[in-house]
Amino acid sequence: MRNLFTSFAKDESGATAIEYGLIAALLSVAIIAAITSVKDELNTTYSNVGAALKAGNA
């Protein structure tokens, strides 16, 4: 029984999975922040492109 607890305490595979999860979460937050910061500029650009396409078809 003591060997089981010792091997469990030395096992670091769970810590690695948690670290990868934290990295993925931080990247997600960074991507969301970047998209949010350029949202208005993208909306303006797409509106301008749409208006130009409509004017070209008329």
PDB file of N, CA and C in Angstrom:
ATOM      1  N   MET A   1       0.830  -1.198   0.000  1.00  0.00           N
ATOM      2  CA  MET A   1       0.000   0.000   0.000  1.00  0.00           C
ATOM      3  C   MET A   1       0.870   1.255   0.000  1.00  0.00           C
ATOM      4  N   ARG A   2       1.978   1.178   0.709  1.00  0.00           N
ATOM      5  CA  ARG A   2       2.862   2.335   0.764  1.00  0.00           C
ATOM      6  C   ARG A   2       3.481   2.617  -0.608  1.00  0.00           C
ATOM      7  N   ASN A   3       3.774   1.554  -1.366  1.00  0.00           N
ATOM      8  CA  ASN A   3       4.313   1.727  -2.714  1.00  0.00           C
ATOM      9  C   ASN A   3       3.314   2.445  -3.615  1.00  0.00           C
ATOM     10  N   LEU A   4       2.056   2.150  -3.454  1.00  0.00           N
ATOM     11  CA  LEU A   4       1.016   2.788  -4.261  1.00  0.00           C
ATOM     12  C   LEU A   4       0.992   4.298  -4.024  1.00  0.00           C
ATOM     13  N   PHE A   5       1.046   4.706  -2.770  1.00  0.00           N
ATOM     14  CA  PHE A   5       1.037   6.135  -2.464  1.00  0.00           C
ATOM     15  C   PHE A   5       2.320   6.821  -2.926  1.00  0.00           C
ATOM     16  N   THR A   6       3.449   6.125  -2.801  1.00  0.00           N
ATOM     17  CA  THR A   6       4.725   6.697  -3.233  1.00  0.00           C
ATOM     18  C   THR A   6       4.735   6.897  -4.737  1.00  0.00           C
ATOM     19  N   SER A   7       4.274   5.894  -5.482  1.00  0.00           N
ATOM     20  CA  SER A   7       4.251   6.039  -6.942  1.00  0.00           C
ATOM     21  C   SER A   7       3.243   7.097  -7.381  1.00  0.00           C
ATOM     22  N   PHE A   8       2.142   7.216  -6.662  1.00  0.00           N
ATOM     23  CA  PHE A   8       1.151   8.240  -6.982  1.00  0.00           C
ATOM     24  C   PHE A   8       1.723   9.634  -6.740  1.00  0.00           C
ATOM     25  N   ALA A   9       2.493   9.813  -5.677  1.00  0.00           N
ATOM     26  CA  ALA A   9       3.067  11.112  -5.359  1.00  0.00           C
ATOM     27  C   ALA A   9       4.137  11.520  -6.367  1.00  0.00           C
ATOM     28  N   LYS A  10       4.844  10.542  -6.948  1.00  0.00           N
ATOM     29  CA  LYS A  10       5.913  10.833  -7.899  1.00  0.00           C
ATOM     30  C   LYS A  10       5.407  10.981  -9.330  1.00  0.00           C
ATOM     31  N   ASP A  11       4.184  10.571  -9.605  1.00  0.00           N
ATOM     32  CA  ASP A  11       3.628  10.634 -10.954  1.00  0.00           C
ATOM     33  C   ASP A  11       3.347  12.089 -11.330  1.00  0.00           C
ATOM     34  N   GLU A  12       3.940  12.551 -12.434  1.00  0.00           N
ATOM     35  CA  GLU A  12       3.771  13.931 -12.865  1.00  0.00           C
ATOM     36  C   GLU A  12       2.963  14.055 -14.151  1.00  0.00           C
ATOM     37  N   SER A  13       2.385  12.985 -14.642  1.00  0.00           N
ATOM     38  CA  SER A  13       1.643  13.066 -15.902  1.00  0.00           C
ATOM     39  C   SER A  13       0.396  13.934 -15.767  1.00  0.00           C
ATOM     40  N   GLY A  14      -0.235  13.934 -14.636  1.00  0.00           N
ATOM     41  CA  GLY A  14      -1.401  14.783 -14.417  1.00  0.00           C
ATOM     42  C   GLY A  14      -1.036  16.254 -14.406  1.00  0.00           C
ATOM     43  N   ALA A  15       0.127  16.552 -13.835  1.00  0.00           N
ATOM     44  CA  ALA A  15       0.585  17.944 -13.799  1.00  0.00           C
ATOM     45  C   ALA A  15       0.837  18.459 -15.211  1.00  0.00           C
ATOM     46  N   THR A  16       1.377  17.613 -16.077  1.00  0.00           N
ATOM     47  CA  THR A  16       1.629  18.014 -17.453  1.00  0.00           C
ATOM     48  C   THR A  16       0.322  18.312 -18.171  1.00  0.00           C
ATOM     49  N   ALA A  17      -0.681  17.485 -17.966  1.00  0.00           N
ATOM     50  CA  ALA A  17      -1.980  17.713 -18.593  1.00  0.00           C
ATOM     51  C   ALA A  17      -2.599  19.022 -18.105  1.00  0.00           C
ATOM     52  N   ILE A  18      -2.446  19.300 -16.833  1.00  0.00           N
ATOM     53  CA  ILE A  18      -2.982  20.546 -16.279  1.00  0.00           C
ATOM     54  C   ILE A  18      -2.249  21.740 -16.881  1.00  0.00           C
ATOM     55  N   GLU A  19      -0.935  21.624 -17.040  1.00  0.00           N
ATOM     56  CA  GLU A  19      -0.168  22.716 -17.638  1.00  0.00           C
ATOM     57  C   GLU A  19      -0.610  22.977 -19.072  1.00  0.00           C
ATOM     58  N   TYR A  20      -0.805  21.919 -19.842  1.00  0.00           N
ATOM     59  CA  TYR A  20      -1.278  22.097 -21.215  1.00  0.00           C
ATOM     60  C   TYR A  20      -2.672  22.720 -21.234  1.00  0.00           C
ATOM     61  N   GLY A  21      -3.507  22.338 -20.309  1.00  0.00           N
ATOM     62  CA  GLY A  21      -4.837  22.936 -20.212  1.00  0.00           C
ATOM     63  C   GLY A  21      -4.776  24.417 -19.896  1.00  0.00           C
ATOM     64  N   LEU A  22      -3.870  24.796 -18.999  1.00  0.00           N
ATOM     65  CA  LEU A  22      -3.711  26.215 -18.663  1.00  0.00           C
ATOM     66  C   LEU A  22      -3.169  27.007 -19.847  1.00  0.00           C
ATOM     67  N   ILE A  23      -2.229  26.432 -20.585  1.00  0.00           N
ATOM     68  CA  ILE A  23      -1.704  27.108 -21.767  1.00  0.00           C
ATOM     69  C   ILE A  23      -2.808  27.310 -22.800  1.00  0.00           C
ATOM     70  N   ALA A  24      -3.624  26.284 -23.022  1.00  0.00           N
ATOM     71  CA  ALA A  24      -4.729  26.400 -23.977  1.00  0.00           C
ATOM     72  C   ALA A  24      -5.725  27.469 -23.523  1.00  0.00           C
ATOM     73  N   ALA A  25      -6.001  27.533 -22.239  1.00  0.00           N
ATOM     74  CA  ALA A  25      -6.930  28.542 -21.723  1.00  0.00           C
ATOM     75  C   ALA A  25      -6.368  29.945 -21.915  1.00  0.00           C
ATOM     76  N   LEU A  26      -5.085  30.125 -21.640  1.00  0.00           N
ATOM     77  CA  LEU A  26      -4.475  31.443 -21.824  1.00  0.00           C
ATOM     78  C   LEU A  26      -4.464  31.859 -23.284  1.00  0.00           C
ATOM     79  N   LEU A  27      -4.181  30.920 -24.175  1.00  0.00           N
ATOM     80  CA  LEU A  27      -4.215  31.233 -25.600  1.00  0.00           C
ATOM     81  C   LEU A  27      -5.622  31.611 -26.043  1.00  0.00           C
ATOM     82  N   SER A  28      -6.613  30.925 -25.530  1.00  0.00           N
ATOM     83  CA  SER A  28      -8.000  31.243 -25.875  1.00  0.00           C
ATOM     84  C   SER A  28      -8.362  32.657 -25.432  1.00  0.00           C
ATOM     85  N   VAL A  29      -7.960  33.012 -24.235  1.00  0.00           N
ATOM     86  CA  VAL A  29      -8.246  34.364 -23.733  1.00  0.00           C
ATOM     87  C   VAL A  29      -7.540  35.404 -24.597  1.00  0.00           C
ATOM     88  N   ALA A  30      -6.300  35.129 -24.992  1.00  0.00           N
ATOM     89  CA  ALA A  30      -5.556  36.073 -25.832  1.00  0.00           C
ATOM     90  C   ALA A  30      -6.216  36.231 -27.196  1.00  0.00           C
ATOM     91  N   ILE A  31      -6.678  35.130 -27.783  1.00  0.00           N
ATOM     92  CA  ILE A  31      -7.332  35.187 -29.089  1.00  0.00           C
ATOM     93  C   ILE A  31      -8.641  35.966 -28.999  1.00  0.00           C
ATOM     94  N   ILE A  32      -9.409  35.716 -27.960  1.00  0.00           N
ATOM     95  CA  ILE A  32     -10.673  36.432 -27.780  1.00  0.00           C
ATOM     96  C   ILE A  32     -10.423  37.928 -27.595  1.00  0.00           C
ATOM     97  N   ALA A  33      -9.391  38.273 -26.829  1.00  0.00           N
ATOM     98  CA  ALA A  33      -9.067  39.686 -26.624  1.00  0.00           C
ATOM     99  C   ALA A  33      -8.638  40.340 -27.930  1.00  0.00           C
ATOM    100  N   ALA A  34      -7.866  39.627 -28.742  1.00  0.00           N
ATOM    101  CA  ALA A  34      -7.412  40.191 -30.022  1.00  0.00           C
ATOM    102  C   ALA A  34      -8.580  40.392 -30.971  1.00  0.00           C
ATOM    103  N   ILE A  35      -9.476  39.431 -31.034  1.00  0.00           N
ATOM    104  CA  ILE A  35     -10.633  39.540 -31.920  1.00  0.00           C
ATOM    105  C   ILE A  35     -11.548  40.671 -31.469  1.00  0.00           C
ATOM    106  N   THR A  36     -11.722  40.796 -30.167  1.00  0.00           N
ATOM    107  CA  THR A  36     -12.574  41.856 -29.639  1.00  0.00           C
ATOM    108  C   THR A  36     -11.998  43.233 -29.956  1.00  0.00           C
ATOM    109  N   SER A  37     -10.673  43.352 -29.926  1.00  0.00           N
ATOM    110  CA  SER A  37     -10.065  44.658 -30.154  1.00  0.00           C
ATOM    111  C   SER A  37     -10.143  45.097 -31.610  1.00  0.00           C
ATOM    112  N   VAL A  38     -10.246  44.163 -32.557  1.00  0.00           N
ATOM    113  CA  VAL A  38     -10.321  44.548 -33.970  1.00  0.00           C
ATOM    114  C   VAL A  38     -11.727  44.373 -34.545  1.00  0.00           C
ATOM    115  N   LYS A  39     -12.685  44.087 -33.696  1.00  0.00           N
ATOM    116  CA  LYS A  39     -14.057  43.824 -34.136  1.00  0.00           C
ATOM    117  C   LYS A  39     -14.647  44.998 -34.905  1.00  0.00           C
ATOM    118  N   ASP A  40     -14.508  46.202 -34.381  1.00  0.00           N
ATOM    119  CA  ASP A  40     -15.106  47.372 -35.029  1.00  0.00           C
ATOM    120  C   ASP A  40     -14.463  47.654 -36.378  1.00  0.00           C
ATOM    121  N   GLU A  41     -13.143  47.504 -36.454  1.00  0.00           N
ATOM    122  CA  GLU A  41     -12.456  47.735 -37.718  1.00  0.00           C
ATOM    123  C   GLU A  41     -12.887  46.719 -38.774  1.00  0.00           C
ATOM    124  N   LEU A  42     -13.055  45.466 -38.354  1.00  0.00           N
ATOM    125  CA  LEU A  42     -13.503  44.437 -39.300  1.00  0.00           C
ATOM    126  C   LEU A  42     -14.921  44.701 -39.779  1.00  0.00           C
ATOM    127  N   ASN A  43     -15.790  45.117 -38.890  1.00  0.00           N
ATOM    128  CA  ASN A  43     -17.163  45.436 -39.281  1.00  0.00           C
ATOM    129  C   ASN A  43     -17.194  46.571 -40.297  1.00  0.00           C
ATOM    130  N   THR A  44     -16.385  47.590 -40.070  1.00  0.00           N
ATOM    131  CA  THR A  44     -16.321  48.721 -41.005  1.00  0.00           C
ATOM    132  C   THR A  44     -15.795  48.263 -42.362  1.00  0.00           C
ATOM    133  N   THR A  45     -14.754  47.456 -42.344  1.00  0.00           N
ATOM    134  CA  THR A  45     -14.166  46.979 -43.602  1.00  0.00           C
ATOM    135  C   THR A  45     -15.166  46.140 -44.387  1.00  0.00           C
ATOM    136  N   TYR A  46     -15.844  45.211 -43.719  1.00  0.00           N
ATOM    137  CA  TYR A  46     -16.825  44.379 -44.419  1.00  0.00           C
ATOM    138  C   TYR A  46     -18.003  45.198 -44.926  1.00  0.00           C
ATOM    139  N   SER A  47     -18.394  46.215 -44.187  1.00  0.00           N
ATOM    140  CA  SER A  47     -19.478  47.090 -44.647  1.00  0.00           C
ATOM    141  C   SER A  47     -19.060  47.848 -45.898  1.00  0.00           C
ATOM    142  N   ASN A  48     -17.824  48.337 -45.904  1.00  0.00           N
ATOM    143  CA  ASN A  48     -17.323  49.055 -47.075  1.00  0.00           C
ATOM    144  C   ASN A  48     -17.223  48.143 -48.294  1.00  0.00           C
ATOM    145  N   VAL A  49     -16.757  46.926 -48.087  1.00  0.00           N
ATOM    146  CA  VAL A  49     -16.657  45.965 -49.196  1.00  0.00           C
ATOM    147  C   VAL A  49     -18.051  45.624 -49.724  1.00  0.00           C
ATOM    148  N   GLY A  50     -19.005  45.417 -48.822  1.00  0.00           N
ATOM    149  CA  GLY A  50     -20.369  45.121 -49.234  1.00  0.00           C
ATOM    150  C   GLY A  50     -20.988  46.262 -50.018  1.00  0.00           C
ATOM    151  N   ALA A  51     -20.758  47.480 -49.564  1.00  0.00           N
ATOM    152  CA  ALA A  51     -21.305  48.649 -50.277  1.00  0.00           C
ATOM    153  C   ALA A  51     -20.663  48.779 -51.657  1.00  0.00           C
ATOM    154  N   ALA A  52     -19.362  48.513 -51.749  1.00  0.00           N
ATOM    155  CA  ALA A  52     -18.685  48.596 -53.039  1.00  0.00           C
ATOM    156  C   ALA A  52     -19.189  47.520 -54.004  1.00  0.00           C
ATOM    157  N   LEU A  53     -19.458  46.334 -53.482  1.00  0.00           N
ATOM    158  CA  LEU A  53     -19.986  45.272 -54.329  1.00  0.00           C
ATOM    159  C   LEU A  53     -21.388  45.602 -54.816  1.00  0.00           C
ATOM    160  N   LYS A  54     -22.212  46.167 -53.933  1.00  0.00           N
ATOM    161  CA  LYS A  54     -23.550  46.557 -54.351  1.00  0.00           C
ATOM    162  C   LYS A  54     -23.509  47.656 -55.407  1.00  0.00           C
ATOM    163  N   ALA A  55     -22.611  48.605 -55.233  1.00  0.00           N
ATOM    164  CA  ALA A  55     -22.484  49.696 -56.203  1.00  0.00           C
ATOM    165  C   ALA A  55     -21.971  49.180 -57.531  1.00  0.00           C
ATOM    166  N   GLY A  56     -21.121  48.169 -57.516  1.00  0.00           N
ATOM    167  CA  GLY A  56     -20.582  47.612 -58.742  1.00  0.00           C
ATOM    168  C   GLY A  56     -21.614  46.799 -59.507  1.00  0.00           C
ATOM    169  N   ASN A  57     -22.574  46.196 -58.813  1.00  0.00           N
ATOM    170  CA  ASN A  57     -23.620  45.398 -59.456  1.00  0.00           C
ATOM    171  C   ASN A  57     -24.749  46.254 -59.999  1.00  0.00           C
ATOM    172  N   ALA A  58     -24.885  47.466 -59.543  1.00  0.00           N
ATOM    173  CA  ALA A  58     -26.016  48.311 -59.928  1.00  0.00           C
ATOM    174  C   ALA A  58     -25.857  48.935 -61.282  1.00  0.00           C
TER     175      ALA A  58
END
